[in-house]
PDB file of N, CA and C in Angstrom:
ATOM      1  N   MET A   1      28.126 -17.143  48.842  1.00  0.00           N
ATOM      2  CA  MET A   1      27.880 -16.918  47.521  1.00  0.00           C
ATOM      3  C   MET A   1      28.774 -15.670  47.146  1.00  0.00           C
ATOM      4  N   ALA A   2      28.818 -15.222  45.788  1.00  0.00           N
ATOM      5  CA  ALA A   2      29.737 -14.084  45.402  1.00  0.00           C
ATOM      6  C   ALA A   2      29.056 -12.713  45.591  1.00  0.00           C
ATOM      7  N   ILE A   3      30.053 -11.826  45.776  1.00  0.00           N
ATOM      8  CA  ILE A   3      29.747 -10.471  45.809  1.00  0.00           C
ATOM      9  C   ILE A   3      30.400  -9.668  44.741  1.00  0.00           C
ATOM     10  N   TRP A   4      29.696  -8.796  43.880  1.00  0.00           N
ATOM     11  CA  TRP A   4      30.245  -7.932  43.046  1.00  0.00           C
ATOM     12  C   TRP A   4      30.119  -6.619  43.286  1.00  0.00           C
ATOM     13  N   ARG A   5      31.191  -5.733  43.047  1.00  0.00           N
ATOM     14  CA  ARG A   5      31.296  -4.344  43.440  1.00  0.00           C
ATOM     15  C   ARG A   5      31.734  -3.505  42.395  1.00  0.00           C
ATOM     16  N   THR A   6      31.018  -2.346  42.289  1.00  0.00           N
ATOM     17  CA  THR A   6      31.602  -1.247  41.488  1.00  0.00           C
ATOM     18  C   THR A   6      32.592  -0.263  42.281  1.00  0.00           C
ATOM     19  N   PRO A   7      33.220   0.583  41.455  1.00  0.00           N
ATOM     20  CA  PRO A   7      34.251   1.479  42.231  1.00  0.00           C
ATOM     21  C   PRO A   7      33.482   2.469  43.043  1.00  0.00           C
ATOM     22  N   ASP A   8      32.230   2.786  42.540  1.00  0.00           N
ATOM     23  CA  ASP A   8      31.535   3.947  43.168  1.00  0.00           C
ATOM     24  C   ASP A   8      30.516   3.424  44.292  1.00  0.00           C
ATOM     25  N   GLY A   9      30.841   2.138  44.770  1.00  0.00           N
ATOM     26  CA  GLY A   9      30.054   1.579  45.927  1.00  0.00           C
ATOM     27  C   GLY A   9      28.842   0.777  45.695  1.00  0.00           C
ATOM     28  N   MET A  10      28.435   0.452  44.326  1.00  0.00           N
ATOM     29  CA  MET A  10      27.250  -0.349  44.185  1.00  0.00           C
ATOM     30  C   MET A  10      27.802  -1.834  44.500  1.00  0.00           C
ATOM     31  N   GLN A  11      26.887  -2.562  45.014  1.00  0.00           N
ATOM     32  CA  GLN A  11      27.076  -4.164  45.458  1.00  0.00           C
ATOM     33  C   GLN A  11      25.961  -4.789  45.058  1.00  0.00           C
ATOM     34  N   VAL A  12      26.274  -5.973  44.341  1.00  0.00           N
ATOM     35  CA  VAL A  12      25.288  -6.881  43.850  1.00  0.00           C
ATOM     36  C   VAL A  12      25.714  -8.302  44.466  1.00  0.00           C
ATOM     37  N   GLU A  13      24.590  -9.050  45.209  1.00  0.00           N
ATOM     38  CA  GLU A  13      24.910 -10.345  45.604  1.00  0.00           C
ATOM     39  C   GLU A  13      23.873 -11.275  45.281  1.00  0.00           C
ATOM     40  N   ALA A  14      24.146 -12.493  44.875  1.00  0.00           N
ATOM     41  CA  ALA A  14      23.277 -13.507  44.378  1.00  0.00           C
ATOM     42  C   ALA A  14      22.635 -14.123  45.742  1.00  0.00           C
ATOM     43  N   VAL A  15      21.372 -14.074  45.975  1.00  0.00           N
ATOM     44  CA  VAL A  15      20.885 -14.561  47.171  1.00  0.00           C
ATOM     45  C   VAL A  15      19.604 -15.423  46.825  1.00  0.00           C
ATOM     46  N   VAL A  16      19.005 -16.111  47.926  1.00  0.00           N
ATOM     47  CA  VAL A  16      17.683 -16.876  47.594  1.00  0.00           C
ATOM     48  C   VAL A  16      16.701 -16.432  48.680  1.00  0.00           C
ATOM     49  N   VAL A  17      15.575 -15.942  48.071  1.00  0.00           N
ATOM     50  CA  VAL A  17      14.622 -15.323  48.976  1.00  0.00           C
ATOM     51  C   VAL A  17      13.207 -16.128  48.653  1.00  0.00           C
ATOM     52  N   ASP A  18      12.724 -16.776  49.693  1.00  0.00           N
ATOM     53  CA  ASP A  18      11.473 -17.659  49.453  1.00  0.00           C
ATOM     54  C   ASP A  18      11.566 -18.663  48.338  1.00  0.00           C
ATOM     55  N   ASP A  19      12.815 -19.306  48.358  1.00  0.00           N
ATOM     56  CA  ASP A  19      13.173 -20.330  47.442  1.00  0.00           C
ATOM     57  C   ASP A  19      13.145 -19.750  45.893  1.00  0.00           C
ATOM     58  N   LYS A  20      13.426 -18.342  45.663  1.00  0.00           N
ATOM     59  CA  LYS A  20      13.504 -17.756  44.494  1.00  0.00           C
ATOM     60  C   LYS A  20      14.860 -17.156  44.408  1.00  0.00           C
ATOM     61  N   PRO A  21      15.793 -17.576  43.445  1.00  0.00           N
ATOM     62  CA  PRO A  21      17.021 -16.915  43.157  1.00  0.00           C
ATOM     63  C   PRO A  21      16.906 -15.479  42.693  1.00  0.00           C
ATOM     64  N   LEU A  22      17.651 -14.515  43.468  1.00  0.00           N
ATOM     65  CA  LEU A  22      17.423 -12.992  43.191  1.00  0.00           C
ATOM     66  C   LEU A  22      18.975 -12.429  43.220  1.00  0.00           C
ATOM     67  N   LEU A  23      18.909 -11.322  42.823  1.00  0.00           N
ATOM     68  CA  LEU A  23      20.140 -10.497  43.020  1.00  0.00           C
ATOM     69  C   LEU A  23      19.812  -9.311  43.849  1.00  0.00           C
ATOM     70  N   ARG A  24      20.562  -9.182  45.157  1.00  0.00           N
ATOM     71  CA  ARG A  24      20.308  -8.063  45.979  1.00  0.00           C
ATOM     72  C   ARG A  24      21.277  -6.971  45.546  1.00  0.00           C
ATOM     73  N   VAL A  25      20.625  -5.777  45.395  1.00  0.00           N
ATOM     74  CA  VAL A  25      21.406  -4.675  45.076  1.00  0.00           C
ATOM     75  C   VAL A  25      21.547  -3.694  46.323  1.00  0.00           C
ATOM     76  N   SER A  26      22.674  -3.326  46.594  1.00  0.00           N
ATOM     77  CA  SER A  26      22.851  -2.310  47.698  1.00  0.00           C
ATOM     78  C   SER A  26      24.124  -1.177  47.337  1.00  0.00           C
ATOM     79  N   ARG A  27      24.237  -0.288  48.040  1.00  0.00           N
ATOM     80  CA  ARG A  27      25.167   0.925  47.848  1.00  0.00           C
ATOM     81  C   ARG A  27      25.987   0.931  49.060  1.00  0.00           C
ATOM     82  N   ARG A  28      27.348   0.850  49.021  1.00  0.00           N
ATOM     83  CA  ARG A  28      28.230   1.206  50.355  1.00  0.00           C
ATOM     84  C   ARG A  28      28.465   2.800  50.181  1.00  0.00           C
ATOM     85  N   VAL A  29      28.321   3.588  51.286  1.00  0.00           N
ATOM     86  CA  VAL A  29      28.668   4.836  51.426  1.00  0.00           C
ATOM     87  C   VAL A  29      29.273   5.012  52.740  1.00  0.00           C
ATOM     88  N   GLU A  30      30.403   5.425  52.791  1.00  0.00           N
ATOM     89  CA  GLU A  30      31.319   5.607  53.944  1.00  0.00           C
ATOM     90  C   GLU A  30      31.264   4.549  54.930  1.00  0.00           C
ATOM     91  N   GLY A  31      31.229   3.260  54.399  1.00  0.00           N
ATOM     92  CA  GLY A  31      31.300   2.006  55.037  1.00  0.00           C
ATOM     93  C   GLY A  31      29.870   1.571  55.414  1.00  0.00           C
ATOM     94  N   ILE A  32      28.921   2.266  55.385  1.00  0.00           N
ATOM     95  CA  ILE A  32      27.445   1.764  55.601  1.00  0.00           C
ATOM     96  C   ILE A  32      26.922   1.326  54.174  1.00  0.00           C
ATOM     97  N   THR A  33      26.072  -0.016  54.437  1.00  0.00           N
ATOM     98  CA  THR A  33      25.633  -0.465  53.276  1.00  0.00           C
ATOM     99  C   THR A  33      24.148  -0.212  53.256  1.00  0.00           C
ATOM    100  N   PHE A  34      23.486   0.276  52.226  1.00  0.00           N
ATOM    101  CA  PHE A  34      22.092   0.813  51.976  1.00  0.00           C
ATOM    102  C   PHE A  34      21.554  -0.006  51.018  1.00  0.00           C
ATOM    103  N   PHE A  35      20.481  -0.783  51.423  1.00  0.00           N
ATOM    104  CA  PHE A  35      19.563  -1.900  50.537  1.00  0.00           C
ATOM    105  C   PHE A  35      18.867  -0.986  49.579  1.00  0.00           C
ATOM    106  N   ARG A  36      19.178  -1.303  48.155  1.00  0.00           N
ATOM    107  CA  ARG A  36      18.299  -0.728  46.804  1.00  0.00           C
ATOM    108  C   ARG A  36      17.212  -1.368  46.645  1.00  0.00           C
ATOM    109  N   GLY A  37      17.481  -2.866  46.649  1.00  0.00           N
ATOM    110  CA  GLY A  37      16.338  -3.733  46.197  1.00  0.00           C
ATOM    111  C   GLY A  37      16.626  -5.042  45.603  1.00  0.00           C
ATOM    112  N   TYR A  38      15.835  -5.966  45.210  1.00  0.00           N
ATOM    113  CA  TYR A  38      15.872  -6.983  44.486  1.00  0.00           C
ATOM    114  C   TYR A  38      15.848  -7.052  43.254  1.00  0.00           C
ATOM    115  N   VAL A  39      16.542  -7.856  42.406  1.00  0.00           N
ATOM    116  CA  VAL A  39      16.098  -7.970  40.838  1.00  0.00           C
ATOM    117  C   VAL A  39      16.231  -9.449  40.623  1.00  0.00           C
ATOM    118  N   ALA A  40      15.337  -9.690  39.533  1.00  0.00           N
ATOM    119  CA  ALA A  40      15.238 -11.028  39.032  1.00  0.00           C
ATOM    120  C   ALA A  40      16.409 -11.505  37.926  1.00  0.00           C
ATOM    121  N   SER A  41      16.893 -10.459  37.305  1.00  0.00           N
ATOM    122  CA  SER A  41      17.784 -10.909  36.202  1.00  0.00           C
ATOM    123  C   SER A  41      18.899  -9.675  36.308  1.00  0.00           C
ATOM    124  N   VAL A  42      19.992  -9.974  35.463  1.00  0.00           N
ATOM    125  CA  VAL A  42      21.078  -9.030  35.282  1.00  0.00           C
ATOM    126  C   VAL A  42      20.564  -7.905  34.484  1.00  0.00           C
ATOM    127  N   ASP A  43      19.612  -8.261  33.515  1.00  0.00           N
ATOM    128  CA  ASP A  43      19.028  -6.913  32.718  1.00  0.00           C
ATOM    129  C   ASP A  43      18.434  -5.796  33.481  1.00  0.00           C
ATOM    130  N   GLU A  44      18.037  -6.402  34.777  1.00  0.00           N
ATOM    131  CA  GLU A  44      17.245  -5.234  35.593  1.00  0.00           C
ATOM    132  C   GLU A  44      18.321  -4.409  36.398  1.00  0.00           C
ATOM    133  N   LEU A  45      19.524  -4.819  36.430  1.00  0.00           N
ATOM    134  CA  LEU A  45      20.383  -4.197  37.277  1.00  0.00           C
ATOM    135  C   LEU A  45      20.620  -2.514  36.919  1.00  0.00           C
ATOM    136  N   GLN A  46      20.509  -2.324  35.749  1.00  0.00           N
ATOM    137  CA  GLN A  46      20.495  -1.027  35.090  1.00  0.00           C
ATOM    138  C   GLN A  46      19.451  -0.051  35.878  1.00  0.00           C
ATOM    139  N   GLN A  47      18.535  -0.614  36.189  1.00  0.00           N
ATOM    140  CA  GLN A  47      17.367   0.231  36.930  1.00  0.00           C
ATOM    141  C   GLN A  47      17.934   0.882  38.319  1.00  0.00           C
ATOM    142  N   HIS A  48      18.843   0.059  38.527  1.00  0.00           N
ATOM    143  CA  HIS A  48      19.354   0.823  40.020  1.00  0.00           C
ATOM    144  C   HIS A  48      20.702   1.330  39.772  1.00  0.00           C
ATOM    145  N   GLY A  49      21.134   1.599  38.579  1.00  0.00           N
ATOM    146  CA  GLY A  49      22.284   2.285  38.462  1.00  0.00           C
ATOM    147  C   GLY A  49      23.489   1.662  38.441  1.00  0.00           C
ATOM    148  N   VAL A  50      23.460   0.152  38.317  1.00  0.00           N
ATOM    149  CA  VAL A  50      24.646  -0.594  38.311  1.00  0.00           C
ATOM    150  C   VAL A  50      25.152  -0.604  36.942  1.00  0.00           C
ATOM    151  N   ASP A  51      26.494  -0.326  36.578  1.00  0.00           N
ATOM    152  CA  ASP A  51      27.145  -0.387  35.372  1.00  0.00           C
ATOM    153  C   ASP A  51      27.782  -1.889  35.273  1.00  0.00           C
ATOM    154  N   LEU A  52      27.397  -2.970  34.486  1.00  0.00           N
ATOM    155  CA  LEU A  52      27.766  -4.101  34.523  1.00  0.00           C
ATOM    156  C   LEU A  52      29.429  -4.206  34.087  1.00  0.00           C
ATOM    157  N   ALA A  53      29.778  -3.223  33.278  1.00  0.00           N
ATOM    158  CA  ALA A  53      31.204  -3.251  32.841  1.00  0.00           C
ATOM    159  C   ALA A  53      32.048  -2.830  34.206  1.00  0.00           C
ATOM    160  N   GLU A  54      31.544  -2.317  35.088  1.00  0.00           N
ATOM    161  CA  GLU A  54      32.322  -1.812  36.293  1.00  0.00           C
ATOM    162  C   GLU A  54      32.420  -2.938  37.496  1.00  0.00           C
ATOM    163  N   LEU A  55      31.508  -3.927  37.389  1.00  0.00           N
ATOM    164  CA  LEU A  55      31.504  -4.876  38.341  1.00  0.00           C
ATOM    165  C   LEU A  55      32.714  -5.740  38.539  1.00  0.00           C
ATOM    166  N   LYS A  56      33.280  -5.997  39.631  1.00  0.00           N
ATOM    167  CA  LYS A  56      34.413  -6.911  39.999  1.00  0.00           C
ATOM    168  C   LYS A  56      33.943  -7.890  41.098  1.00  0.00           C
ATOM    169  N   GLU A  57      34.338  -9.077  41.134  1.00  0.00           N
ATOM    170  CA  GLU A  57      33.761 -10.039  42.064  1.00  0.00           C
ATOM    171  C   GLU A  57      34.848  -9.798  43.246  1.00  0.00           C
ATOM    172  N   HIS A  58      34.190  -9.990  44.499  1.00  0.00           N
ATOM    173  CA  HIS A  58      34.946  -9.871  45.620  1.00  0.00           C
ATOM    174  C   HIS A  58      34.583 -11.191  46.369  1.00  0.00           C
ATOM    175  N   PRO A  59      35.461 -11.752  47.227  1.00  0.00           N
ATOM    176  CA  PRO A  59      35.018 -12.907  48.138  1.00  0.00           C
ATOM    177  C   PRO A  59      33.884 -12.461  49.135  1.00  0.00           C
ATOM    178  N   ALA A  60      32.959 -13.416  49.331  1.00  0.00           N
ATOM    179  CA  ALA A  60      31.880 -13.171  50.242  1.00  0.00           C
ATOM    180  C   ALA A  60      32.426 -13.221  51.539  1.00  0.00           C
ATOM    181  N   ALA A  61      31.843 -12.291  52.471  1.00  0.00           N
ATOM    182  CA  ALA A  61      32.469 -12.212  54.069  1.00  0.00           C
ATOM    183  C   ALA A  61      31.968 -13.405  54.817  1.00  0.00           C
TER     184      ALA A  61
END
């Protein structure tokens, strides 16, 4: 699946949890990824400080 990142380290991944599609929000700080939470829609990303205008797609590892 795809991963989107912002220049300040926010990371959003499309995942499936218990058969429900969600977006996993994390933040990368000095090479370490910290889990922030799951959201059900793009509209909820702002609650975690994600600026949609800054998101860029990166290939999944």
